[in-house]
Amino acid sequence: FVAPFDFSASGVYECTAQVVVVDDSDNGNDSFSKQIVSSPSITGFPYIQDFEAGSANWLIRGNTSFELGIPDAGNGVINTAASGSSAFVTNLDGEYSNNEAGWVESPCFNFALMDTPAIQFSYIAEIEYYPAIPGFAFDGAYLEYSTDGGQAWIKVGAVGDTVNWYNFDNIW
C-alpha cells in the first residue's frame, strides 16, 4: 500500500484484500476479509455509562438479536432500562432468537493504575433452564475479561462465589 490506513477513530472496520490474476478461472478464492475493531482505552474512573447518548463504543457482536434502544414497555420481563430510557436488549420489542450466541463488548478499560478494580452493572434476564440436569441452562450470560486484546477470555467469578456471580456452570 502506498499509505497505511488510519484506524485511530473508534469503530468497526471491514477490510478486504483481493488478488486479481489474469486467466484465473476460480474467482471465489481471490479475496480475504478481516474485521478490525478500534476501541478507545478508558482510563478515567469511575466510569459511568447509561447509553442515553448512544453506544459509547460498546459493540454488539456474534449471532444475536441484541439491540440498543428503548425497551418496549409491553414486552414482559425486560420492559425498561436501569436508568434513563436506553439499554442493550435482545430484541427491544419481542422474543430473542433461538440459538443465539451473541454478546455486548465494552471498550477497553485500562486498570493499570488501580489496586483493586471493581465493576457494577444492572442486569435483568429471563433464563430458560433445564431442571432435569442440575447446573445446566439453555440460556444465560456471564462476564468475561481479556488481557491480551481479546485473544483469550476469562470468566469473572464462579457459581457459589460469595458475590453470587452465576447460578449455572454450563450454558448451552
Protein backbone atom coordinates (compact mmCIF):
# COMPACT_ATOMS: atom_id res chain seq x y z
CA PHE A 1 0.00 0.00 0.00
CA VAL A 2 1.17 3.50 -0.73
CA ALA A 3 -0.11 4.83 2.60
CA PRO A 4 -1.29 2.88 5.66
CA PHE A 5 -4.92 3.25 6.69
CA ASP A 6 -5.66 5.23 9.85
CA PHE A 7 -7.69 3.09 12.28
CA SER A 8 -7.40 5.60 15.14
CA ALA A 9 -11.07 6.65 15.01
CA SER A 10 -13.19 4.31 17.15
CA GLY A 11 -15.33 1.90 15.18
CA VAL A 12 -15.54 -1.38 13.35
CA TYR A 13 -13.73 -1.61 10.03
CA GLU A 14 -14.29 -4.32 7.39
CA CYS A 15 -11.06 -4.78 5.46
CA THR A 16 -10.94 -6.86 2.28
CA ALA A 17 -7.88 -7.70 0.23
CA GLN A 18 -8.33 -9.04 -3.28
CA VAL A 19 -5.86 -10.52 -5.74
CA VAL A 20 -6.54 -10.25 -9.46
CA VAL A 21 -4.69 -12.78 -11.62
CA VAL A 22 -5.01 -12.94 -15.41
CA ASP A 23 -6.66 -16.18 -16.61
CA ASP A 24 -7.76 -17.11 -13.06
CA SER A 25 -10.70 -19.48 -13.58
CA ASP A 26 -11.76 -19.53 -9.89
CA ASN A 27 -12.51 -16.04 -8.58
CA GLY A 28 -14.14 -17.48 -5.46
CA ASN A 29 -10.84 -17.67 -3.59
CA ASP A 30 -9.34 -14.33 -4.59
CA SER A 31 -10.24 -12.27 -1.54
CA PHE A 32 -9.85 -12.29 2.22
CA SER A 33 -11.81 -10.19 4.71
CA LYS A 34 -10.97 -9.27 8.27
CA GLN A 35 -12.85 -7.16 10.79
CA ILE A 36 -10.75 -4.61 12.68
CA VAL A 37 -12.13 -3.09 15.89
CA SER A 38 -10.63 0.18 17.08
CA SER A 39 -11.71 0.92 20.63
CA PRO A 40 -10.72 3.77 22.92
CA SER A 41 -8.93 2.95 26.16
CA ILE A 42 -10.99 4.02 29.17
CA THR A 43 -8.69 5.40 31.87
CA GLY A 44 -10.99 7.77 33.77
CA PHE A 45 -12.76 6.25 36.75
CA PRO A 46 -15.37 5.92 38.00
CA TYR A 47 -16.73 5.14 34.55
CA ILE A 48 -20.50 5.55 34.34
CA GLN A 49 -22.49 4.73 31.22
CA ASP A 50 -26.27 4.79 30.70
CA PHE A 51 -26.24 4.69 26.86
CA GLU A 52 -28.54 7.71 26.58
CA ALA A 53 -26.18 9.32 24.03
CA GLY A 54 -25.67 6.13 22.03
CA SER A 55 -23.49 3.03 22.22
CA ALA A 56 -20.40 4.80 23.67
CA ASN A 57 -18.18 2.37 21.72
CA TRP A 58 -19.85 -0.73 23.15
CA LEU A 59 -20.33 -3.24 20.32
CA ILE A 60 -22.97 -5.85 19.56
CA ARG A 61 -21.15 -8.99 18.43
CA GLY A 62 -21.96 -12.53 17.29
CA ASN A 63 -25.19 -14.15 16.16
CA THR A 64 -27.70 -12.18 18.18
CA SER A 65 -30.85 -10.10 18.29
CA PHE A 66 -29.21 -7.59 20.67
CA GLU A 67 -30.27 -4.01 20.02
CA LEU A 68 -29.56 -0.72 21.73
CA GLY A 69 -32.63 1.38 22.30
CA ILE A 70 -35.74 1.85 24.38
CA PRO A 71 -37.24 -1.46 25.58
CA ASP A 72 -40.93 -1.91 24.75
CA ALA A 73 -42.95 -1.26 27.94
CA GLY A 74 -45.33 -4.08 26.96
CA ASN A 75 -42.51 -6.58 26.39
CA GLY A 76 -42.89 -8.60 29.59
CA VAL A 77 -39.70 -9.12 31.61
CA ILE A 78 -37.29 -6.65 30.02
CA ASN A 79 -39.53 -3.62 29.63
CA THR A 80 -37.42 -0.75 30.94
CA ALA A 81 -33.84 0.46 31.23
CA ALA A 82 -31.97 0.52 34.54
CA SER A 83 -31.54 4.29 34.27
CA GLY A 84 -32.75 6.71 31.66
CA SER A 85 -34.54 5.06 28.76
CA SER A 86 -31.91 3.18 26.69
CA ALA A 87 -30.49 -0.30 27.20
CA PHE A 88 -28.92 -3.21 25.34
CA VAL A 89 -31.70 -5.79 24.98
CA THR A 90 -32.14 -8.97 22.97
CA ASN A 91 -34.96 -7.74 20.72
CA LEU A 92 -36.34 -4.48 22.06
CA ASP A 93 -39.93 -5.36 21.21
CA GLY A 94 -40.22 -9.15 21.28
CA GLU A 95 -38.61 -12.50 21.98
CA TYR A 96 -34.94 -13.24 21.46
CA SER A 97 -33.97 -15.64 18.67
CA ASN A 98 -33.30 -19.36 19.09
CA ASN A 99 -29.66 -20.47 19.13
CA GLU A 100 -28.27 -17.01 19.79
CA ALA A 101 -24.58 -16.76 20.52
CA GLY A 102 -24.01 -13.05 20.90
CA TRP A 103 -22.70 -10.54 23.34
CA VAL A 104 -22.17 -6.87 24.06
CA GLU A 105 -18.48 -5.98 24.10
CA SER A 106 -17.22 -2.99 26.06
CA PRO A 107 -14.47 -0.60 25.08
CA CYS A 108 -11.04 -1.37 26.57
CA PHE A 109 -10.65 -0.49 30.24
CA ASN A 110 -7.13 0.29 31.44
CA PHE A 111 -6.95 -0.69 35.12
CA ALA A 112 -3.14 -0.37 35.31
CA LEU A 113 -3.24 2.41 37.92
CA MET A 114 -5.86 0.70 40.11
CA ASP A 115 -5.06 -1.58 43.05
CA THR A 116 -8.45 -3.28 43.12
CA PRO A 117 -10.68 -2.65 40.12
CA ALA A 118 -14.38 -3.30 40.60
CA ILE A 119 -17.37 -3.44 38.30
CA GLN A 120 -21.02 -2.80 38.98
CA PHE A 121 -23.83 -3.01 36.44
CA SER A 122 -27.55 -3.55 36.14
CA TYR A 123 -28.68 -6.77 34.50
CA ILE A 124 -32.05 -8.45 34.07
CA ALA A 125 -32.80 -11.71 32.32
CA GLU A 126 -35.39 -14.37 31.81
CA ILE A 127 -33.34 -17.55 31.65
CA GLU A 128 -34.59 -20.88 30.28
CA TYR A 129 -33.00 -23.60 32.40
CA TYR A 130 -33.14 -27.38 32.19
CA PRO A 131 -34.17 -28.79 35.59
CA ALA A 132 -33.50 -32.43 34.59
CA ILE A 133 -29.76 -31.73 34.65
CA PRO A 134 -28.68 -29.77 37.75
CA GLY A 135 -26.40 -26.85 36.99
CA PHE A 136 -27.36 -26.74 33.30
CA ALA A 137 -29.16 -23.92 31.46
CA PHE A 138 -30.17 -23.43 27.85
CA ASP A 139 -29.78 -19.67 28.17
CA GLY A 140 -27.58 -17.45 30.24
CA ALA A 141 -24.94 -14.80 30.44
CA TYR A 142 -21.60 -14.28 32.08
CA LEU A 143 -18.98 -11.58 32.33
CA GLU A 144 -15.54 -12.18 30.82
CA TYR A 145 -12.34 -10.19 30.55
CA SER A 146 -9.25 -10.35 28.38
CA THR A 147 -5.73 -9.09 29.00
CA ASP A 148 -4.40 -9.90 25.52
CA GLY A 149 -6.60 -7.87 23.21
CA GLY A 150 -9.38 -10.44 23.03
CA GLN A 151 -7.34 -13.49 22.01
CA ALA A 152 -8.32 -15.34 25.21
CA TRP A 153 -11.21 -14.66 27.58
CA ILE A 154 -11.50 -15.45 31.29
CA LYS A 155 -14.83 -15.75 33.08
CA VAL A 156 -15.22 -13.44 36.10
CA GLY A 157 -16.43 -15.21 39.23
CA ALA A 158 -17.99 -18.66 39.56
CA VAL A 159 -21.11 -20.45 40.76
CA GLY A 160 -21.17 -20.26 44.55
CA ASP A 161 -18.95 -17.19 44.88
CA THR A 162 -19.88 -15.03 47.84
CA VAL A 163 -20.96 -12.26 45.44
CA ASN A 164 -23.32 -14.70 43.66
CA TRP A 165 -21.98 -14.32 40.13
CA TYR A 166 -23.74 -17.25 38.48
CA ASN A 167 -26.41 -19.87 39.03
CA PHE A 168 -25.20 -22.39 36.43
CA ASP A 169 -21.81 -23.76 35.43
CA ASN A 170 -22.91 -24.88 31.99
CA ILE A 171 -24.78 -22.75 29.46
CA TRP A 172 -25.79 -24.37 26.19
